[in-house]
């Protein structure tokens, strides 16, 4: 079941977007004296082809057959975060899962406590309420994260 509903997932199918992500990452690496190695490229491509939020272990398991080690996945995830290309979402188990963050509209997450599915959602009305509350309080928001933990439709239906 697709999780990346706000953006649509399968971003590798959008070559122009994948190209922009790769260019941003390549520039970030160059500014830090690094280069886009085949291993870093494989990790980035894995993200771009995914239709869900990915953990470090899921990335590692998906790529270890290509000779990419756990430390390389960990370091590349850190570099991708530093470049602001990916952002974490903490799931029901406390494990961060990551999503491509470039050019994505603001969205929030509903996280199922049974199956762990992370569903993206947008709520324009809620955003308006938050903006009004901040304006009235004289508060200038920089960012926010809204996560709701509960049961997805499928897990709720299967409960005894």
N, C-alpha and C. Protein backbone atom coordinates (compact mmCIF):
# COMPACT_ATOMS: atom_id res chain seq x y z
N UNK A 1 0.84 -1.18 0.00
CA UNK A 1 0.00 0.00 0.00
C UNK A 1 0.89 1.24 0.00
N UNK A 2 0.64 2.15 -0.92
CA UNK A 2 1.44 3.37 -1.02
C UNK A 2 1.24 4.26 0.21
N UNK A 3 2.32 4.83 0.67
CA UNK A 3 2.26 5.77 1.78
C UNK A 3 2.45 7.21 1.31
N UNK A 4 3.27 7.41 0.31
CA UNK A 4 3.63 8.76 -0.11
C UNK A 4 2.55 9.35 -1.01
N UNK A 5 1.38 9.53 -0.42
CA UNK A 5 0.24 9.96 -1.21
C UNK A 5 0.26 11.44 -1.54
N UNK A 6 0.87 12.26 -0.71
CA UNK A 6 0.90 13.69 -0.99
C UNK A 6 1.72 13.96 -2.24
N UNK A 7 2.84 13.31 -2.35
CA UNK A 7 3.67 13.52 -3.53
C UNK A 7 3.41 12.47 -4.59
N UNK A 8 2.96 11.31 -4.17
CA UNK A 8 2.65 10.28 -5.14
C UNK A 8 3.63 9.13 -5.17
N UNK A 9 4.78 9.26 -4.52
CA UNK A 9 5.75 8.17 -4.54
C UNK A 9 6.29 7.93 -5.94
N UNK A 10 7.10 6.90 -6.08
CA UNK A 10 7.69 6.53 -7.36
C UNK A 10 8.25 7.75 -8.09
N UNK A 11 9.03 8.54 -7.36
CA UNK A 11 9.56 9.78 -7.92
C UNK A 11 10.60 9.54 -9.00
N UNK A 12 11.19 8.34 -9.04
CA UNK A 12 12.15 8.06 -10.10
C UNK A 12 11.45 8.08 -11.46
N UNK A 13 10.14 7.88 -11.44
CA UNK A 13 9.38 7.93 -12.69
C UNK A 13 9.29 9.36 -13.23
N UNK A 14 9.67 10.31 -12.44
CA UNK A 14 9.67 11.72 -12.84
C UNK A 14 11.14 12.13 -13.03
N UNK A 15 11.69 11.93 -14.22
CA UNK A 15 13.12 12.15 -14.44
C UNK A 15 13.56 13.57 -14.11
N UNK A 16 12.74 14.56 -14.38
CA UNK A 16 13.14 15.94 -14.09
C UNK A 16 13.29 16.14 -12.58
N UNK A 17 12.38 15.58 -11.81
CA UNK A 17 12.47 15.69 -10.35
C UNK A 17 13.70 14.96 -9.84
N UNK A 18 13.90 13.73 -10.30
CA UNK A 18 15.06 12.95 -9.88
C UNK A 18 16.35 13.68 -10.22
N UNK A 19 16.36 14.32 -11.36
CA UNK A 19 17.54 15.09 -11.78
C UNK A 19 17.79 16.27 -10.85
N UNK A 20 16.73 16.97 -10.44
CA UNK A 20 16.89 18.10 -9.50
C UNK A 20 17.39 17.62 -8.14
N UNK A 21 16.86 16.52 -7.65
CA UNK A 21 17.31 15.96 -6.37
C UNK A 21 18.78 15.60 -6.46
N UNK A 22 19.17 14.93 -7.52
CA UNK A 22 20.57 14.54 -7.70
C UNK A 22 21.48 15.76 -7.79
N UNK A 23 21.03 16.80 -8.47
CA UNK A 23 21.84 18.02 -8.59
C UNK A 23 22.03 18.68 -7.23
N UNK A 24 20.98 18.76 -6.43
CA UNK A 24 21.09 19.36 -5.08
C UNK A 24 22.06 18.54 -4.24
N UNK A 25 21.94 17.22 -4.29
CA UNK A 25 22.82 16.36 -3.51
C UNK A 25 24.27 16.49 -3.97
N UNK A 26 24.48 16.50 -5.28
CA UNK A 26 25.83 16.63 -5.83
C UNK A 26 26.47 17.94 -5.39
N UNK A 27 25.72 19.05 -5.43
CA UNK A 27 26.25 20.35 -4.98
C UNK A 27 26.59 20.32 -3.49
N UNK A 28 25.72 19.72 -2.70
CA UNK A 28 25.98 19.63 -1.26
C UNK A 28 27.25 18.81 -1.00
N UNK A 29 27.39 17.70 -1.69
CA UNK A 29 28.58 16.88 -1.52
C UNK A 29 29.84 17.67 -1.91
N UNK A 30 29.81 18.37 -3.04
CA UNK A 30 30.97 19.13 -3.51
C UNK A 30 31.35 20.22 -2.51
N UNK A 31 30.35 20.90 -1.93
CA UNK A 31 30.64 21.94 -0.93
C UNK A 31 31.34 21.36 0.29
N UNK A 32 31.16 20.07 0.50
CA UNK A 32 31.76 19.41 1.66
C UNK A 32 32.94 18.51 1.28
N UNK A 33 33.47 18.72 0.08
CA UNK A 33 34.65 17.99 -0.35
C UNK A 33 34.40 16.53 -0.65
N UNK A 34 33.18 16.20 -1.00
CA UNK A 34 32.81 14.81 -1.29
C UNK A 34 32.32 14.71 -2.73
N UNK A 35 32.13 13.47 -3.20
CA UNK A 35 31.61 13.29 -4.55
C UNK A 35 30.46 12.29 -4.51
N UNK A 36 29.69 12.28 -5.58
CA UNK A 36 28.57 11.36 -5.70
C UNK A 36 29.11 10.00 -6.17
N UNK A 37 29.39 9.13 -5.21
CA UNK A 37 29.90 7.80 -5.53
C UNK A 37 28.76 6.91 -6.04
N UNK A 38 29.13 5.77 -6.59
CA UNK A 38 28.11 4.82 -7.04
C UNK A 38 27.24 4.36 -5.87
N UNK A 39 27.84 4.19 -4.69
CA UNK A 39 27.07 3.76 -3.53
C UNK A 39 26.08 4.84 -3.08
N UNK A 40 26.53 6.08 -3.02
CA UNK A 40 25.62 7.18 -2.65
C UNK A 40 24.50 7.31 -3.68
N UNK A 41 24.85 7.15 -4.94
CA UNK A 41 23.85 7.24 -6.01
C UNK A 41 22.82 6.13 -5.87
N UNK A 42 23.26 4.92 -5.54
CA UNK A 42 22.35 3.79 -5.36
C UNK A 42 21.38 4.04 -4.21
N UNK A 43 21.88 4.61 -3.13
CA UNK A 43 21.03 4.93 -1.98
C UNK A 43 20.01 5.99 -2.37
N UNK A 44 20.44 7.03 -3.05
CA UNK A 44 19.53 8.08 -3.50
C UNK A 44 18.49 7.51 -4.46
N UNK A 45 18.91 6.69 -5.40
CA UNK A 45 17.97 6.08 -6.36
C UNK A 45 16.96 5.18 -5.65
N UNK A 46 17.40 4.49 -4.61
CA UNK A 46 16.48 3.63 -3.84
C UNK A 46 15.38 4.48 -3.23
N UNK A 47 15.76 5.63 -2.65
CA UNK A 47 14.78 6.57 -2.10
C UNK A 47 13.82 7.04 -3.19
N UNK A 48 14.37 7.45 -4.31
CA UNK A 48 13.56 8.02 -5.37
C UNK A 48 12.58 7.01 -5.96
N UNK A 49 12.89 5.74 -5.88
CA UNK A 49 12.00 4.73 -6.44
C UNK A 49 11.02 4.16 -5.42
N UNK A 50 11.11 4.59 -4.18
CA UNK A 50 10.25 4.04 -3.14
C UNK A 50 8.88 4.72 -3.12
N UNK A 51 7.88 3.95 -2.69
CA UNK A 51 6.54 4.51 -2.54
C UNK A 51 6.13 4.55 -1.06
N UNK A 52 7.15 4.50 -0.18
CA UNK A 52 6.86 4.57 1.25
C UNK A 52 8.04 5.18 2.00
N UNK A 53 7.84 5.43 3.27
CA UNK A 53 8.87 5.97 4.15
C UNK A 53 9.83 4.83 4.50
N UNK A 54 11.13 5.09 4.44
CA UNK A 54 12.13 4.04 4.60
C UNK A 54 12.98 4.23 5.84
N UNK A 55 13.23 3.14 6.56
CA UNK A 55 14.14 3.18 7.70
C UNK A 55 15.56 2.88 7.22
N UNK A 56 16.52 3.14 8.10
CA UNK A 56 17.91 2.82 7.78
C UNK A 56 18.06 1.34 7.49
N UNK A 57 17.43 0.49 8.30
CA UNK A 57 17.53 -0.95 8.09
C UNK A 57 16.89 -1.39 6.79
N UNK A 58 15.76 -0.79 6.42
CA UNK A 58 15.13 -1.14 5.14
C UNK A 58 16.03 -0.77 3.97
N UNK A 59 16.67 0.38 4.06
CA UNK A 59 17.62 0.77 3.01
C UNK A 59 18.77 -0.21 2.94
N UNK A 60 19.33 -0.54 4.10
CA UNK A 60 20.46 -1.46 4.14
C UNK A 60 20.07 -2.82 3.56
N UNK A 61 18.94 -3.37 4.00
CA UNK A 61 18.50 -4.68 3.49
C UNK A 61 18.25 -4.64 1.98
N UNK A 62 17.72 -3.53 1.50
CA UNK A 62 17.44 -3.40 0.08
C UNK A 62 18.68 -3.24 -0.78
N UNK A 63 19.78 -2.81 -0.17
CA UNK A 63 20.99 -2.50 -0.94
C UNK A 63 22.20 -3.37 -0.63
N UNK A 64 22.13 -4.19 0.41
CA UNK A 64 23.32 -4.95 0.81
C UNK A 64 23.77 -5.92 -0.26
N UNK A 65 22.85 -6.39 -1.08
CA UNK A 65 23.22 -7.27 -2.18
C UNK A 65 24.08 -6.58 -3.23
N UNK A 66 24.13 -5.26 -3.18
CA UNK A 66 24.97 -4.50 -4.11
C UNK A 66 26.28 -4.08 -3.48
N UNK A 67 26.58 -4.68 -2.31
CA UNK A 67 27.85 -4.40 -1.65
C UNK A 67 27.88 -3.11 -0.85
N UNK A 68 26.71 -2.61 -0.47
CA UNK A 68 26.64 -1.37 0.30
C UNK A 68 26.44 -1.73 1.77
N UNK A 69 27.38 -1.31 2.61
CA UNK A 69 27.35 -1.65 4.02
C UNK A 69 26.48 -0.74 4.85
N UNK A 70 26.20 -1.20 6.05
CA UNK A 70 25.36 -0.45 7.00
C UNK A 70 25.95 0.93 7.30
N UNK A 71 27.27 1.01 7.48
CA UNK A 71 27.91 2.30 7.80
C UNK A 71 27.75 3.29 6.64
N UNK A 72 27.85 2.80 5.41
CA UNK A 72 27.67 3.67 4.25
C UNK A 72 26.25 4.19 4.18
N UNK A 73 25.28 3.31 4.45
CA UNK A 73 23.87 3.75 4.47
C UNK A 73 23.69 4.80 5.55
N UNK A 74 24.21 4.56 6.75
CA UNK A 74 24.06 5.50 7.86
C UNK A 74 24.68 6.86 7.52
N UNK A 75 25.91 6.86 7.01
CA UNK A 75 26.59 8.12 6.68
C UNK A 75 25.86 8.86 5.56
N UNK A 76 25.38 8.11 4.57
CA UNK A 76 24.68 8.76 3.46
C UNK A 76 23.35 9.33 3.93
N UNK A 77 22.65 8.65 4.81
CA UNK A 77 21.41 9.20 5.38
C UNK A 77 21.70 10.52 6.10
N UNK A 78 22.77 10.55 6.86
CA UNK A 78 23.14 11.78 7.57
C UNK A 78 23.44 12.90 6.58
N UNK A 79 24.16 12.58 5.52
CA UNK A 79 24.49 13.57 4.51
C UNK A 79 23.23 14.06 3.78
N UNK A 80 22.32 13.14 3.48
CA UNK A 80 21.06 13.53 2.83
C UNK A 80 20.23 14.44 3.74
N UNK A 81 20.25 14.15 5.05
CA UNK A 81 19.55 15.03 6.00
C UNK A 81 20.22 16.39 6.06
N UNK A 82 21.55 16.41 6.12
CA UNK A 82 22.29 17.68 6.16
C UNK A 82 22.01 18.53 4.93
N UNK A 83 21.77 17.87 3.80
CA UNK A 83 21.48 18.61 2.57
C UNK A 83 20.01 19.01 2.48
N UNK A 84 19.23 18.60 3.46
CA UNK A 84 17.79 18.90 3.55
C UNK A 84 16.98 18.21 2.45
N UNK A 85 17.52 17.15 1.90
CA UNK A 85 16.80 16.40 0.86
C UNK A 85 15.86 15.35 1.43
N UNK A 86 16.15 14.88 2.64
CA UNK A 86 15.26 13.93 3.29
C UNK A 86 14.91 14.43 4.68
N UNK A 87 13.78 13.97 5.18
CA UNK A 87 13.34 14.33 6.52
C UNK A 87 12.83 13.06 7.22
N UNK A 88 13.05 12.98 8.53
CA UNK A 88 12.59 11.79 9.25
C UNK A 88 11.14 11.92 9.72
N UNK A 89 10.50 10.78 9.80
CA UNK A 89 9.20 10.64 10.45
C UNK A 89 9.38 9.48 11.41
N UNK A 90 9.08 9.70 12.68
CA UNK A 90 9.28 8.63 13.66
C UNK A 90 8.01 7.80 13.72
N UNK A 91 8.16 6.52 13.48
CA UNK A 91 7.02 5.60 13.45
C UNK A 91 6.61 5.14 14.83
N UNK A 92 5.68 4.20 14.87
CA UNK A 92 5.12 3.69 16.13
C UNK A 92 6.17 3.03 17.00
N UNK A 93 7.23 2.51 16.38
CA UNK A 93 8.26 1.80 17.10
C UNK A 93 9.43 2.71 17.51
N UNK A 94 9.31 4.00 17.25
CA UNK A 94 10.36 4.95 17.59
C UNK A 94 11.50 4.99 16.59
N UNK A 95 11.40 4.19 15.53
CA UNK A 95 12.45 4.13 14.50
C UNK A 95 12.17 5.20 13.46
N UNK A 96 13.15 6.06 13.19
CA UNK A 96 12.92 7.06 12.14
C UNK A 96 12.84 6.42 10.76
N UNK A 97 11.89 6.89 10.00
CA UNK A 97 11.76 6.52 8.60
C UNK A 97 11.85 7.82 7.81
N UNK A 98 12.39 7.74 6.63
CA UNK A 98 12.73 8.95 5.90
C UNK A 98 11.92 9.08 4.62
N UNK A 99 11.73 10.33 4.21
CA UNK A 99 11.04 10.63 2.96
C UNK A 99 11.81 11.74 2.26
N UNK A 100 11.75 11.72 0.93
CA UNK A 100 12.34 12.82 0.15
C UNK A 100 11.58 14.09 0.50
N UNK A 101 12.31 15.16 0.70
CA UNK A 101 11.73 16.40 1.22
C UNK A 101 11.76 17.55 0.22
N UNK A 102 12.46 17.42 -0.87
CA UNK A 102 12.61 18.52 -1.82
C UNK A 102 11.31 18.76 -2.58
N UNK A 103 10.89 20.02 -2.63
CA UNK A 103 9.74 20.45 -3.43
C UNK A 103 8.44 19.75 -3.05
N UNK A 104 8.34 19.24 -1.86
CA UNK A 104 7.12 18.56 -1.44
C UNK A 104 6.23 19.56 -0.71
N UNK A 105 4.94 19.49 -0.94
CA UNK A 105 4.03 20.36 -0.19
C UNK A 105 4.02 19.96 1.28
N UNK A 106 3.70 20.93 2.13
CA UNK A 106 3.61 20.61 3.56
C UNK A 106 2.53 19.55 3.74
N UNK A 107 2.82 18.60 4.60
CA UNK A 107 1.86 17.56 4.92
C UNK A 107 2.14 17.04 6.32
N UNK A 108 1.17 16.35 6.85
CA UNK A 108 1.29 15.75 8.17
C UNK A 108 1.18 14.24 8.02
N UNK A 109 1.23 13.53 9.14
CA UNK A 109 1.25 12.07 9.08
C UNK A 109 0.28 11.45 10.08
N UNK A 110 -0.36 10.37 9.64
CA UNK A 110 -1.15 9.51 10.52
C UNK A 110 -0.41 8.18 10.56
N UNK A 111 -0.09 7.73 11.78
CA UNK A 111 0.77 6.55 11.96
C UNK A 111 -0.02 5.46 12.66
N UNK A 112 -0.14 4.29 12.01
CA UNK A 112 -0.90 3.18 12.58
C UNK A 112 -0.07 2.47 13.65
N UNK A 113 -0.67 2.30 14.82
CA UNK A 113 0.02 1.65 15.93
C UNK A 113 0.11 0.13 15.76
N UNK A 114 -0.72 -0.44 14.90
CA UNK A 114 -0.66 -1.89 14.68
C UNK A 114 0.30 -2.26 13.56
N UNK A 115 0.05 -1.79 12.36
CA UNK A 115 0.87 -2.21 11.21
C UNK A 115 2.04 -1.27 10.94
N UNK A 116 2.03 -0.08 11.50
CA UNK A 116 3.15 0.86 11.33
C UNK A 116 3.06 1.72 10.08
N UNK A 117 2.00 1.56 9.30
CA UNK A 117 1.85 2.35 8.08
C UNK A 117 1.83 3.83 8.42
N UNK A 118 2.52 4.61 7.62
CA UNK A 118 2.56 6.06 7.78
C UNK A 118 1.81 6.66 6.60
N UNK A 119 0.71 7.28 6.87
CA UNK A 119 -0.11 7.86 5.81
C UNK A 119 0.03 9.37 5.81
N UNK A 120 0.32 9.93 4.65
CA UNK A 120 0.43 11.38 4.51
C UNK A 120 -0.95 11.99 4.34
N UNK A 121 -1.10 13.19 4.88
CA UNK A 121 -2.39 13.87 4.79
C UNK A 121 -2.18 15.38 4.79
N UNK A 122 -3.04 16.09 4.09
CA UNK A 122 -3.03 17.56 4.14
C UNK A 122 -4.37 18.02 4.68
N UNK A 123 -4.32 19.05 5.52
CA UNK A 123 -5.51 19.61 6.12
C UNK A 123 -5.46 21.13 6.01
N UNK A 124 -5.88 21.70 4.89
CA UNK A 124 -5.82 23.16 4.75
C UNK A 124 -6.56 23.90 5.86
N UNK A 125 -7.68 23.36 6.29
CA UNK A 125 -8.46 24.03 7.34
C UNK A 125 -7.68 24.08 8.66
N UNK A 126 -7.01 23.00 8.98
CA UNK A 126 -6.19 22.96 10.20
C UNK A 126 -5.02 23.93 10.09
N UNK A 127 -4.42 24.00 8.93
CA UNK A 127 -3.33 24.95 8.71
C UNK A 127 -3.81 26.39 8.94
N UNK A 128 -5.01 26.71 8.45
CA UNK A 128 -5.57 28.05 8.64
C UNK A 128 -5.78 28.35 10.12
N UNK A 129 -6.28 27.37 10.88
CA UNK A 129 -6.50 27.55 12.32
C UNK A 129 -5.16 27.80 13.03
N UNK A 130 -4.15 27.02 12.68
CA UNK A 130 -2.83 27.18 13.30
C UNK A 130 -2.24 28.56 13.00
N UNK A 131 -2.36 28.98 11.75
CA UNK A 131 -1.84 30.31 11.37
C UNK A 131 -2.55 31.42 12.12
N UNK A 132 -3.86 31.31 12.26
CA UNK A 132 -4.63 32.32 12.99
C UNK A 132 -4.25 32.34 14.47
N UNK A 133 -4.09 31.17 15.06
CA UNK A 133 -3.71 31.09 16.47
C UNK A 133 -2.33 31.72 16.69
N UNK A 134 -1.40 31.46 15.79
CA UNK A 134 -0.06 32.05 15.90
C UNK A 134 -0.13 33.56 15.74
N UNK A 135 -0.91 34.02 14.77
CA UNK A 135 -1.04 35.46 14.55
C UNK A 135 -1.59 36.15 15.79
N UNK A 136 -2.64 35.59 16.38
CA UNK A 136 -3.25 36.17 17.59
C UNK A 136 -2.29 36.18 18.77
N UNK A 137 -1.43 35.19 18.84
CA UNK A 137 -0.48 35.09 19.95
C UNK A 137 0.80 35.89 19.68
N UNK A 138 0.91 36.49 18.50
CA UNK A 138 2.12 37.21 18.16
C UNK A 138 3.31 36.28 17.98
N UNK A 139 3.05 35.06 17.55
CA UNK A 139 4.07 34.03 17.41
C UNK A 139 4.38 33.84 15.94
N UNK A 140 5.67 33.79 15.61
CA UNK A 140 6.08 33.58 14.22
C UNK A 140 6.57 32.15 14.06
N UNK A 141 5.75 31.28 13.48
CA UNK A 141 6.17 29.89 13.33
C UNK A 141 7.22 29.74 12.24
N UNK A 142 8.13 28.83 12.44
CA UNK A 142 9.13 28.51 11.43
C UNK A 142 8.80 27.19 10.74
N UNK A 143 8.30 26.24 11.49
CA UNK A 143 7.87 24.95 10.95
C UNK A 143 7.08 24.24 12.03
N UNK A 144 6.36 23.22 11.62
CA UNK A 144 5.68 22.37 12.59
C UNK A 144 5.54 20.97 12.02
N UNK A 145 5.26 20.08 12.91
CA UNK A 145 5.06 18.68 12.52
C UNK A 145 3.82 18.20 13.27
N UNK A 146 2.91 17.61 12.55
CA UNK A 146 1.69 17.10 13.14
C UNK A 146 1.63 15.60 12.84
N UNK A 147 1.61 14.81 13.90
CA UNK A 147 1.54 13.36 13.75
C UNK A 147 0.43 12.83 14.64
N UNK A 148 -0.42 12.01 14.05
CA UNK A 148 -1.51 11.39 14.80
C UNK A 148 -1.25 9.89 14.83
N UNK A 149 -1.29 9.32 16.02
CA UNK A 149 -1.08 7.89 16.20
C UNK A 149 -2.42 7.24 16.49
N UNK A 150 -2.72 6.17 15.79
CA UNK A 150 -3.99 5.46 15.97
C UNK A 150 -4.00 4.21 15.13
N UNK A 151 -5.18 3.84 14.62
CA UNK A 151 -5.31 2.64 13.82
C UNK A 151 -5.80 2.99 12.42
N UNK A 152 -5.14 2.42 11.43
CA UNK A 152 -5.60 2.63 10.05
C UNK A 152 -6.90 1.87 9.84
N UNK A 153 -7.55 2.16 8.74
CA UNK A 153 -8.85 1.53 8.44
C UNK A 153 -8.75 0.01 8.44
N UNK A 154 -7.70 -0.53 7.83
CA UNK A 154 -7.55 -1.98 7.72
C UNK A 154 -7.36 -2.62 9.10
N UNK A 155 -6.50 -2.04 9.91
CA UNK A 155 -6.24 -2.61 11.24
C UNK A 155 -7.46 -2.47 12.15
N UNK A 156 -8.17 -1.38 12.07
CA UNK A 156 -9.39 -1.18 12.86
C UNK A 156 -10.43 -2.21 12.48
N UNK A 157 -10.56 -2.48 11.19
CA UNK A 157 -11.54 -3.44 10.69
C UNK A 157 -11.22 -4.85 11.17
N UNK A 158 -9.94 -5.17 11.31
CA UNK A 158 -9.51 -6.53 11.69
C UNK A 158 -9.42 -6.75 13.19
N UNK A 159 -9.76 -5.76 13.98
CA UNK A 159 -9.73 -5.91 15.44
C UNK A 159 -10.89 -6.79 15.89
N UNK A 160 -10.66 -7.60 16.93
CA UNK A 160 -11.74 -8.47 17.44
C UNK A 160 -12.86 -7.68 18.08
